[in-house]
Amino acid sequence: MLKDKIILTGGIIVDPVKKKLTESDIYIEQGIIKKIGKNFKASGTQILDIKGNYIAPGFIDLHTHLRQPGREDEETIATGAYAALAGGFTKVCCMPNTEPAIDNEGVVKFILQEQALAGYAQVLPVGAATKGRAGAEISEIGQLVAAGIVAISDDGDPISDPRVMRQVLEYAKIFDLPVISHCEIKALSANGVMNEGIISTRLGLRGIPDIAEAAMVYEHILLADYTKSRLHIAHISTKKSVEIIRWAKEKGISITAETCPHYFSLTEEMCETFDSNYKVNPPLRTKMDAEAIKEALADGTIDVIATDHAPHLASEKEVEFDLAPFGMIGLETAFAIGYEELVLKKYLNLIDYIAKLTCEPAKVLKLDLPTIAEGKTANLVIFDPKAKWVYQKEIIKSKSQNSPFIGRELKGKISKVIIGNHLFEF
């Protein structure tokens, strides 16, 4: 808890809305930004010297798996929301592949109650597009909207029947909801565990071809164009998908897309270790795919960076590669991985990188654009771009530890998060 009056001094404000960096102090009173400028004086004020650090609006993750209800052994709303803060995310969209699925208002209300009790990052529920996420009958979308969802998806599985997907898009349009599409043709990816190619053949592992993703990306884009609905494509991993999305945007089709840090920082070669923490869905692809994704982030073809944070128990992951579940945690490492791969390697400048974590996801959800301005509630992330740190098991805030980045030295660290009059330090 902060004092009623605090001043952040010595920091550089990153404003992704106005597209500028400003060296300014910020005076916060009772959780509200009162003044931005220099040389404030106020009695009884707490001074936080953050020289060398940058201040950005809180990040928004469009794609987080919090597992509750149903798999509280892997993650809970409280532990996931705290891990989110450690990564700079003050809002996270929880995906509906829980047990039971988020396909009724009772589950939505439960999630919102749990996040309020936790008091960490704000959790925004994503409702299941179809009942039980079975892909057959659409959910009671109106009731889910009334309960508080911000989008619909069957993430974890695709909506494979184009007739059902059309219905989902049409009903979502009534409520002006984005449909988040997990693009995977199961007939092509069935029983696959890694990218299909020379390496999968050499390792004797069944592959998942890039067209399993790209072909459904194309199909769902055409359906979104036909219905004039809002489509957001999740976890893009392939060059082919990038090319289709770029074509669609050039044609004026209104879609958005996301990728995740592991798709532009890791490649299929990592699977040669048989470390199941590299097993994700869609799978890690080729160096060519990773390069195409970085270029797509740079030119705006891909709008958003999300985490696809997917916790699993060590006992689930410490089995043969074929048998392990898909997924890795990512909330706490996403900022640093993106900073290293995109900013330091000159694909994006710092402002545009922060926009991929703030403004662009806000646009997908039609939230107020996150900016740092007088009169606004403090919702701030403070980070040191020069800090070097090692991601170790001992510091992981998530309840699960299935990350391939454990033991890796990273550059760029979240040091503080301020939400209203609450200060979190990491």
Protein backbone atom coordinates (compact mmCIF):
# COMPACT_ATOMS: atom_id res chain seq x y z
CA MET A 1 0.00 0.00 0.00
CA LEU A 2 1.31 3.43 -0.94
CA LYS A 3 1.02 6.58 1.07
CA ASP A 4 -1.81 8.88 0.05
CA LYS A 5 0.68 11.10 -1.77
CA ILE A 6 3.65 9.84 -3.77
CA ILE A 7 6.00 11.23 -6.37
CA LEU A 8 7.76 9.09 -8.95
CA THR A 9 10.92 10.97 -9.79
CA GLY A 10 13.65 10.49 -12.38
CA GLY A 11 11.72 8.19 -14.71
CA ILE A 12 10.99 8.39 -18.44
CA ILE A 13 7.32 8.11 -19.42
CA VAL A 14 6.51 5.93 -22.43
CA ASP A 15 3.25 7.09 -23.97
CA PRO A 16 2.17 4.60 -26.65
CA VAL A 17 -0.89 6.72 -27.54
CA LYS A 18 0.94 10.00 -28.16
CA LYS A 19 3.99 8.09 -29.43
CA LYS A 20 6.53 9.92 -27.30
CA LEU A 21 9.05 9.56 -24.49
CA THR A 22 9.08 12.25 -21.79
CA GLU A 23 11.36 12.61 -18.80
CA SER A 24 8.90 13.72 -16.12
CA ASP A 25 7.93 13.20 -12.53
CA ILE A 26 4.48 11.89 -11.66
CA TYR A 27 2.54 13.03 -8.59
CA ILE A 28 -0.08 10.51 -7.43
CA GLU A 29 -2.62 11.29 -4.74
CA GLN A 30 -4.94 8.59 -3.41
CA GLY A 31 -4.30 6.48 -6.49
CA ILE A 32 -5.03 9.26 -9.01
CA ILE A 33 -2.40 10.91 -11.22
CA LYS A 34 -2.66 14.57 -10.21
CA LYS A 35 0.32 16.15 -11.96
CA ILE A 36 2.95 15.27 -14.53
CA GLY A 37 5.95 17.56 -14.72
CA LYS A 38 8.94 18.56 -12.61
CA ASN A 39 9.86 19.82 -9.12
CA PHE A 40 6.70 18.94 -7.22
CA LYS A 41 6.55 19.77 -3.53
CA ALA A 42 3.98 18.33 -1.16
CA SER A 43 4.15 17.67 2.55
CA GLY A 44 3.85 14.09 3.71
CA THR A 45 4.78 12.77 0.28
CA GLN A 46 6.52 9.47 -0.37
CA ILE A 47 9.30 9.86 -2.92
CA LEU A 48 10.16 6.94 -5.21
CA ASP A 49 13.40 7.60 -7.05
CA ILE A 50 13.24 5.54 -10.26
CA LYS A 51 16.10 7.14 -12.16
CA GLY A 52 17.10 5.04 -15.18
CA ASN A 53 13.69 3.37 -15.32
CA TYR A 54 10.84 3.82 -17.77
CA ILE A 55 7.16 4.20 -16.86
CA ALA A 56 4.51 2.68 -19.15
CA PRO A 57 0.79 2.00 -18.89
CA GLY A 58 -0.04 -1.45 -17.51
CA PHE A 59 0.24 -4.22 -20.10
CA ILE A 60 -2.78 -6.21 -21.33
CA ASP A 61 -2.51 -9.93 -22.12
CA LEU A 62 -5.20 -11.17 -24.48
CA HIS A 63 -4.33 -14.83 -23.94
CA THR A 64 -3.78 -16.32 -20.48
CA HIS A 65 -4.74 -19.72 -19.09
CA LEU A 66 -5.50 -19.46 -15.37
CA ARG A 67 -6.86 -23.04 -15.04
CA GLN A 68 -9.41 -22.15 -12.34
CA PRO A 69 -12.00 -23.60 -12.03
CA GLY A 70 -10.93 -27.22 -12.34
CA ARG A 71 -7.12 -27.34 -12.30
CA GLU A 72 -6.19 -25.31 -9.26
CA ASP A 73 -3.19 -27.62 -8.82
CA GLU A 74 -1.65 -26.00 -11.92
CA GLU A 75 -2.69 -22.35 -11.41
CA THR A 76 -5.32 -20.29 -9.65
CA ILE A 77 -6.79 -16.92 -10.50
CA ALA A 78 -4.82 -15.44 -7.59
CA THR A 79 -1.44 -16.99 -8.45
CA GLY A 80 -1.85 -16.28 -12.16
CA ALA A 81 -2.91 -12.69 -11.53
CA TYR A 82 0.13 -12.16 -9.30
CA ALA A 83 2.44 -13.70 -11.89
CA ALA A 84 0.87 -11.32 -14.39
CA LEU A 85 1.85 -8.32 -12.28
CA ALA A 86 5.42 -9.62 -12.06
CA GLY A 87 5.45 -9.50 -15.86
CA GLY A 88 3.93 -6.01 -16.02
CA PHE A 89 0.42 -7.15 -17.01
CA THR A 90 -2.31 -5.34 -15.10
CA LYS A 91 -5.10 -6.87 -17.18
CA VAL A 92 -5.27 -10.46 -18.44
CA CYS A 93 -7.90 -12.25 -20.51
CA CYS A 94 -8.47 -15.74 -19.11
CA MET A 95 -9.25 -18.31 -21.76
CA PRO A 96 -12.30 -20.58 -21.42
CA ASN A 97 -10.69 -24.04 -21.46
CA THR A 98 -11.32 -24.55 -17.77
CA GLU A 99 -13.20 -27.43 -16.13
CA PRO A 100 -16.08 -26.59 -16.45
CA ALA A 101 -15.64 -24.31 -19.43
CA ILE A 102 -16.55 -20.63 -19.18
CA ASP A 103 -19.82 -21.24 -21.01
CA ASN A 104 -22.32 -19.99 -18.43
CA GLU A 105 -22.81 -16.91 -16.30
CA GLY A 106 -22.10 -18.78 -13.06
CA VAL A 107 -18.52 -19.50 -14.04
CA VAL A 108 -18.02 -15.91 -15.24
CA LYS A 109 -19.26 -14.52 -11.93
CA PHE A 110 -17.05 -16.96 -10.00
CA ILE A 111 -13.95 -15.78 -11.90
CA LEU A 112 -14.76 -12.11 -11.32
CA GLN A 113 -15.31 -12.76 -7.61
CA GLU A 114 -12.00 -14.60 -7.29
CA GLN A 115 -10.07 -11.86 -9.06
CA ALA A 116 -11.64 -9.22 -6.79
CA LEU A 117 -10.61 -11.21 -3.72
CA ALA A 118 -7.06 -11.62 -5.04
CA GLY A 119 -6.54 -7.93 -5.69
CA TYR A 120 -3.79 -8.34 -8.25
CA ALA A 121 -4.13 -8.01 -12.04
CA GLN A 122 -7.65 -7.49 -13.37
CA VAL A 123 -8.97 -10.71 -14.92
CA LEU A 124 -11.18 -10.33 -17.99
CA PRO A 125 -13.07 -13.56 -18.75
CA VAL A 126 -13.29 -14.88 -22.31
CA GLY A 127 -16.45 -16.89 -22.77
CA ALA A 128 -16.62 -20.21 -24.59
CA ALA A 129 -17.98 -19.75 -28.09
CA THR A 130 -19.70 -23.14 -28.01
CA LYS A 131 -21.22 -25.12 -25.17
CA GLY A 132 -18.56 -27.14 -23.41
CA ARG A 133 -16.16 -25.92 -26.11
CA ALA A 134 -17.40 -28.92 -28.09
CA GLY A 135 -17.67 -26.94 -31.33
CA ALA A 136 -21.25 -28.01 -31.99
CA GLU A 137 -23.77 -25.64 -30.37
CA ILE A 138 -23.12 -21.98 -29.70
CA SER A 139 -23.15 -20.76 -26.10
CA GLU A 140 -25.71 -18.38 -24.62
CA ILE A 141 -23.59 -15.44 -25.69
CA GLY A 142 -26.02 -12.77 -24.50
CA GLN A 143 -26.00 -14.17 -20.95
CA LEU A 144 -22.21 -14.38 -20.98
CA VAL A 145 -21.96 -10.76 -22.09
CA ALA A 146 -24.31 -9.67 -19.33
CA ALA A 147 -22.18 -11.58 -16.81
CA GLY A 148 -19.02 -9.76 -17.90
CA ILE A 149 -17.08 -11.51 -20.69
CA VAL A 150 -14.96 -9.42 -23.08
CA ALA A 151 -14.61 -11.87 -26.00
CA ILE A 152 -15.54 -15.41 -27.04
CA SER A 153 -13.34 -18.29 -28.10
CA ASP A 154 -13.01 -22.06 -27.94
CA ASP A 155 -9.26 -21.66 -27.48
CA GLY A 156 -7.42 -24.86 -26.83
CA ASP A 157 -9.45 -26.28 -29.68
CA PRO A 158 -10.55 -24.84 -33.02
CA ILE A 159 -14.10 -24.30 -34.17
CA SER A 160 -13.72 -26.73 -37.03
CA ASP A 161 -17.22 -26.67 -38.50
CA PRO A 162 -17.47 -23.59 -40.77
CA ARG A 163 -21.24 -23.51 -40.30
CA VAL A 164 -20.81 -23.21 -36.54
CA MET A 165 -18.02 -20.65 -36.93
CA ARG A 166 -20.28 -18.55 -39.13
CA GLN A 167 -23.02 -18.67 -36.46
CA VAL A 168 -20.51 -17.70 -33.75
CA LEU A 169 -19.31 -14.73 -35.79
CA GLU A 170 -22.86 -13.60 -36.53
CA TYR A 171 -24.00 -13.80 -32.91
CA ALA A 172 -20.82 -12.12 -31.67
CA LYS A 173 -21.48 -9.27 -34.07
CA ILE A 174 -24.80 -8.56 -32.34
CA PHE A 175 -22.88 -7.83 -29.12
CA ASP A 176 -19.86 -6.25 -30.84
CA LEU A 177 -17.61 -8.96 -29.40
CA PRO A 178 -14.32 -10.13 -30.87
CA VAL A 179 -14.09 -13.83 -31.68
CA ILE A 180 -10.65 -15.17 -30.78
CA SER A 181 -9.85 -18.00 -33.18
CA HIS A 182 -7.55 -20.92 -32.45
CA CYS A 183 -6.68 -21.95 -36.01
CA GLU A 184 -5.84 -25.62 -36.35
CA ILE A 185 -7.18 -28.22 -38.76
CA LYS A 186 -7.23 -31.28 -36.53
CA ALA A 187 -7.25 -33.71 -39.43
CA LEU A 188 -3.83 -32.35 -40.38
CA SER A 189 -2.37 -31.90 -36.89
CA ALA A 190 -3.76 -35.08 -35.29
CA ASN A 191 -1.27 -36.78 -32.96
CA GLY A 192 1.45 -34.32 -33.96
CA VAL A 193 3.82 -33.08 -31.25
CA MET A 194 6.19 -30.67 -33.05
CA ASN A 195 6.63 -28.87 -36.36
CA GLU A 196 6.55 -31.17 -39.36
CA GLY A 197 9.83 -31.17 -41.23
CA ILE A 198 13.30 -32.65 -41.45
CA ILE A 199 13.88 -32.41 -37.69
CA SER A 200 10.64 -34.17 -36.74
CA THR A 201 11.45 -36.92 -39.24
CA ARG A 202 14.96 -37.35 -37.86
CA LEU A 203 13.69 -37.43 -34.26
CA GLY A 204 10.92 -39.87 -35.10
CA LEU A 205 8.26 -37.50 -33.77
CA ARG A 206 4.95 -36.96 -35.52
CA GLY A 207 4.81 -33.51 -37.07
CA ILE A 208 2.23 -30.72 -37.29
CA PRO A 209 2.44 -29.02 -40.72
CA ASP A 210 2.24 -25.25 -41.04
CA ILE A 211 -0.83 -25.59 -43.27
CA ALA A 212 -2.79 -27.01 -40.31
CA GLU A 213 -2.75 -23.43 -39.01
CA ALA A 214 -2.62 -21.41 -42.22
CA ALA A 215 -5.53 -23.11 -43.98
CA MET A 216 -7.91 -22.36 -41.11
CA VAL A 217 -6.56 -18.81 -40.82
CA TYR A 218 -7.65 -18.33 -44.43
CA GLU A 219 -11.04 -19.98 -43.89
CA HIS A 220 -11.87 -17.93 -40.78
CA ILE A 221 -10.76 -14.69 -42.42
CA LEU A 222 -13.14 -15.36 -45.31
CA LEU A 223 -15.98 -16.09 -42.87
CA ALA A 224 -15.23 -12.92 -40.92
CA ASP A 225 -15.25 -10.89 -44.12
CA TYR A 226 -18.54 -12.47 -45.20
CA THR A 227 -20.25 -11.82 -41.86
CA LYS A 228 -18.50 -8.46 -41.29
CA SER A 229 -17.67 -9.60 -37.77
CA ARG A 230 -14.68 -8.95 -35.51
CA LEU A 231 -12.10 -11.73 -35.79
CA HIS A 232 -8.91 -11.92 -33.74
CA ILE A 233 -6.51 -14.72 -34.66
CA ALA A 234 -4.60 -16.28 -31.77
CA HIS A 235 -0.94 -17.39 -31.46
CA ILE A 236 0.27 -17.02 -35.05
CA SER A 237 3.30 -19.25 -35.63
CA THR A 238 3.90 -19.57 -39.38
CA LYS A 239 5.09 -17.52 -42.32
CA LYS A 240 2.14 -18.80 -44.39
CA SER A 241 -0.33 -17.42 -41.83
CA VAL A 242 1.49 -14.08 -41.83
CA GLU A 243 1.21 -13.87 -45.61
CA ILE A 244 -2.53 -14.60 -45.50
CA ILE A 245 -3.15 -12.02 -42.78
CA ARG A 246 -1.11 -9.42 -44.66
CA TRP A 247 -3.14 -10.12 -47.82
CA ALA A 248 -6.40 -9.78 -45.87
CA LYS A 249 -5.41 -6.46 -44.35
CA GLU A 250 -4.34 -5.14 -47.74
CA LYS A 251 -7.83 -6.07 -48.98
CA GLY A 252 -9.34 -4.06 -46.15
CA ILE A 253 -10.71 -7.04 -44.23
CA SER A 254 -11.09 -6.03 -40.59
CA ILE A 255 -9.12 -8.56 -38.55
CA THR A 256 -6.47 -8.52 -35.85
CA ALA A 257 -3.83 -11.06 -34.91
CA GLU A 258 -1.46 -11.93 -32.12
CA THR A 259 1.71 -13.92 -31.66
CA CYS A 260 3.64 -14.97 -28.55
CA PRO A 261 7.28 -14.45 -27.52
CA HIS A 262 8.20 -18.10 -28.00
CA TYR A 263 7.25 -17.95 -31.68
CA PHE A 264 9.82 -15.27 -32.45
CA SER A 265 12.51 -16.30 -29.93
CA LEU A 266 12.56 -20.11 -30.17
CA THR A 267 12.57 -22.55 -33.09
CA GLU A 268 11.96 -26.22 -33.78
CA GLU A 269 15.65 -27.05 -33.16
CA MET A 270 14.96 -26.74 -29.43
CA CYS A 271 12.86 -29.91 -29.62
CA GLU A 272 16.04 -31.88 -30.32
CA THR A 273 16.67 -31.70 -26.56
CA PHE A 274 13.40 -33.63 -25.98
CA ASP A 275 12.67 -31.09 -23.23
CA SER A 276 8.86 -31.06 -23.14
CA ASN A 277 8.85 -27.43 -22.01
CA TYR A 278 9.43 -26.66 -25.69
CA LYS A 279 6.24 -28.54 -26.61
CA VAL A 280 3.55 -25.98 -27.40
CA ASN A 281 0.51 -25.77 -29.68
CA PRO A 282 0.91 -24.47 -32.30
CA PRO A 283 4.46 -25.82 -32.24
CA LEU A 284 7.73 -23.96 -32.47
CA ARG A 285 8.45 -23.50 -36.16
CA THR A 286 11.48 -22.81 -38.37
CA LYS A 287 13.92 -19.91 -38.30
CA MET A 288 12.22 -18.62 -41.44
CA ASP A 289 8.85 -18.60 -39.66
CA ALA A 290 10.30 -16.80 -36.63
CA GLU A 291 11.85 -14.15 -38.88
CA ALA A 292 8.56 -13.68 -40.75
CA ILE A 293 6.75 -13.13 -37.44
CA LYS A 294 9.25 -10.48 -36.33
CA GLU A 295 8.86 -8.70 -39.66
CA ALA A 296 5.07 -8.93 -39.32
CA LEU A 297 5.23 -7.32 -35.89
CA ALA A 298 7.41 -4.59 -37.34
CA ASP A 299 5.08 -3.76 -40.25
CA GLY A 300 1.83 -4.08 -38.28
CA THR A 301 0.55 -7.28 -39.88
CA ILE A 302 0.54 -8.80 -36.39
CA ASP A 303 -1.04 -6.36 -33.97
CA VAL A 304 -0.52 -7.82 -30.51
CA ILE A 305 1.98 -9.71 -28.40
CA ALA A 306 0.22 -12.13 -26.03
CA THR A 307 1.69 -14.77 -23.74
CA ASP A 308 -0.47 -17.92 -24.11
CA HIS A 309 0.60 -18.58 -20.51
CA ALA A 310 -0.21 -22.29 -20.07
CA PRO A 311 0.71 -23.78 -16.67
CA HIS A 312 1.28 -27.50 -16.16
CA LEU A 313 2.58 -29.58 -13.26
CA ALA A 314 6.16 -30.85 -13.33
CA SER A 315 4.80 -34.40 -13.09
CA GLU A 316 2.80 -33.80 -16.28
CA LYS A 317 5.74 -32.36 -18.20
CA GLU A 318 8.44 -34.76 -16.95
CA VAL A 319 7.40 -37.59 -19.26
CA GLU A 320 8.23 -38.63 -22.82
CA PHE A 321 7.93 -35.73 -25.27
CA ASP A 322 5.06 -37.46 -27.09
CA LEU A 323 3.01 -37.83 -23.90
CA ALA A 324 3.55 -34.42 -22.32
CA PRO A 325 0.82 -31.76 -22.58
CA PHE A 326 1.30 -28.72 -24.78
CA GLY A 327 2.15 -25.37 -23.23
CA MET A 328 4.61 -23.21 -21.32
CA ILE A 329 4.21 -20.42 -18.79
CA GLY A 330 5.06 -16.97 -20.10
CA LEU A 331 3.64 -14.08 -18.10
CA GLU A 332 6.83 -13.30 -16.19
CA THR A 333 9.27 -13.53 -19.11
CA ALA A 334 7.25 -12.05 -21.99
CA PHE A 335 8.43 -8.46 -21.60
CA ALA A 336 12.13 -9.31 -21.40
CA ILE A 337 12.03 -11.81 -24.28
CA GLY A 338 10.23 -9.31 -26.49
CA TYR A 339 12.54 -6.49 -25.46
CA GLU A 340 15.63 -8.53 -26.34
CA GLU A 341 14.32 -9.97 -29.61
CA LEU A 342 12.41 -6.98 -30.98
CA VAL A 343 13.77 -3.75 -29.47
CA LEU A 344 17.44 -4.56 -29.00
CA LYS A 345 17.52 -6.25 -32.42
CA LYS A 346 15.88 -3.18 -34.04
CA TYR A 347 12.61 -4.66 -35.28
CA LEU A 348 10.58 -2.24 -33.14
CA ASN A 349 11.43 0.90 -31.25
CA LEU A 350 10.54 0.98 -27.57
CA ILE A 351 7.32 2.96 -28.03
CA ASP A 352 5.97 0.64 -30.72
CA TYR A 353 6.94 -2.38 -28.66
CA ILE A 354 5.03 -1.07 -25.64
CA ALA A 355 2.06 -0.39 -27.96
CA LYS A 356 1.94 -4.10 -28.86
CA LEU A 357 1.44 -4.81 -25.14
CA THR A 358 -0.96 -1.96 -24.36
CA CYS A 359 -2.79 0.04 -27.05
CA GLU A 360 -3.18 -2.74 -29.58
CA PRO A 361 -4.77 -5.30 -27.22
CA ALA A 362 -6.96 -2.51 -25.85
CA LYS A 363 -8.20 -1.81 -29.38
CA VAL A 364 -9.09 -5.49 -29.88
CA LEU A 365 -11.28 -5.37 -26.76
CA LYS A 366 -12.46 -1.79 -27.38
CA LEU A 367 -11.14 -0.66 -24.01
CA ASP A 368 -10.03 2.89 -23.28
CA LEU A 369 -6.56 3.37 -24.75
CA PRO A 370 -4.00 3.05 -21.94
CA THR A 371 -2.21 6.32 -21.44
CA ILE A 372 -0.52 8.15 -18.58
CA ALA A 373 -2.40 11.40 -18.02
CA GLU A 374 -3.52 13.75 -15.28
CA GLY A 375 -6.85 12.74 -13.77
CA LYS A 376 -6.41 9.05 -14.61
CA THR A 377 -6.18 6.26 -12.04
CA ALA A 378 -2.56 5.15 -11.71
CA ASN A 379 -2.06 1.99 -13.75
CA LEU A 380 1.68 1.97 -14.22
CA VAL A 381 4.49 -0.43 -15.02
CA ILE A 382 8.03 0.61 -14.16
CA PHE A 383 10.87 -1.22 -15.86
CA ASP A 384 14.64 -1.03 -16.11
CA PRO A 385 15.71 -1.74 -19.70
CA LYS A 386 19.35 -2.25 -18.70
CA ALA A 387 18.76 -4.67 -15.84
CA LYS A 388 20.15 -8.16 -16.34
CA TRP A 389 18.54 -10.95 -14.39
CA VAL A 390 18.35 -14.73 -14.38
CA TYR A 391 14.95 -16.37 -14.51
CA GLN A 392 15.15 -18.99 -11.76
CA LYS A 393 12.64 -21.39 -10.26
CA GLU A 394 12.96 -19.68 -6.89
CA ILE A 395 11.53 -16.39 -8.19
CA ILE A 396 8.64 -17.76 -10.27
CA LYS A 397 5.31 -16.41 -9.07
CA SER A 398 3.16 -18.78 -11.13
CA LYS A 399 2.07 -21.96 -9.39
CA SER A 400 3.68 -23.97 -12.21
CA GLN A 401 7.24 -23.83 -13.49
CA ASN A 402 7.06 -25.25 -17.02
CA SER A 403 9.27 -22.73 -18.78
CA PRO A 404 12.16 -23.35 -21.18
CA PHE A 405 13.63 -19.99 -20.12
CA ILE A 406 14.57 -21.12 -16.60
CA GLY A 407 18.29 -20.49 -16.07
CA ARG A 408 18.52 -17.98 -18.90
CA GLU A 409 19.90 -14.50 -18.35
CA LEU A 410 17.42 -11.89 -19.57
CA LYS A 411 17.70 -8.17 -20.18
CA GLY A 412 14.95 -5.74 -19.25
CA LYS A 413 13.13 -6.21 -15.96
CA ILE A 414 9.83 -5.12 -14.45
CA SER A 415 10.73 -3.50 -11.13
CA LYS A 416 7.43 -2.04 -9.90
CA VAL A 417 3.74 -2.00 -10.73
CA ILE A 418 1.34 0.62 -9.36
CA ILE A 419 -2.43 0.11 -9.51
CA GLY A 420 -4.33 2.88 -7.79
CA ASN A 421 -2.72 3.24 -4.38
CA HIS A 422 -1.18 -0.24 -4.40
CA LEU A 423 2.52 -0.74 -5.07
CA PHE A 424 3.95 -4.11 -6.08
CA GLU A 425 7.73 -4.53 -6.22
CA PHE A 426 9.59 -7.34 -7.98
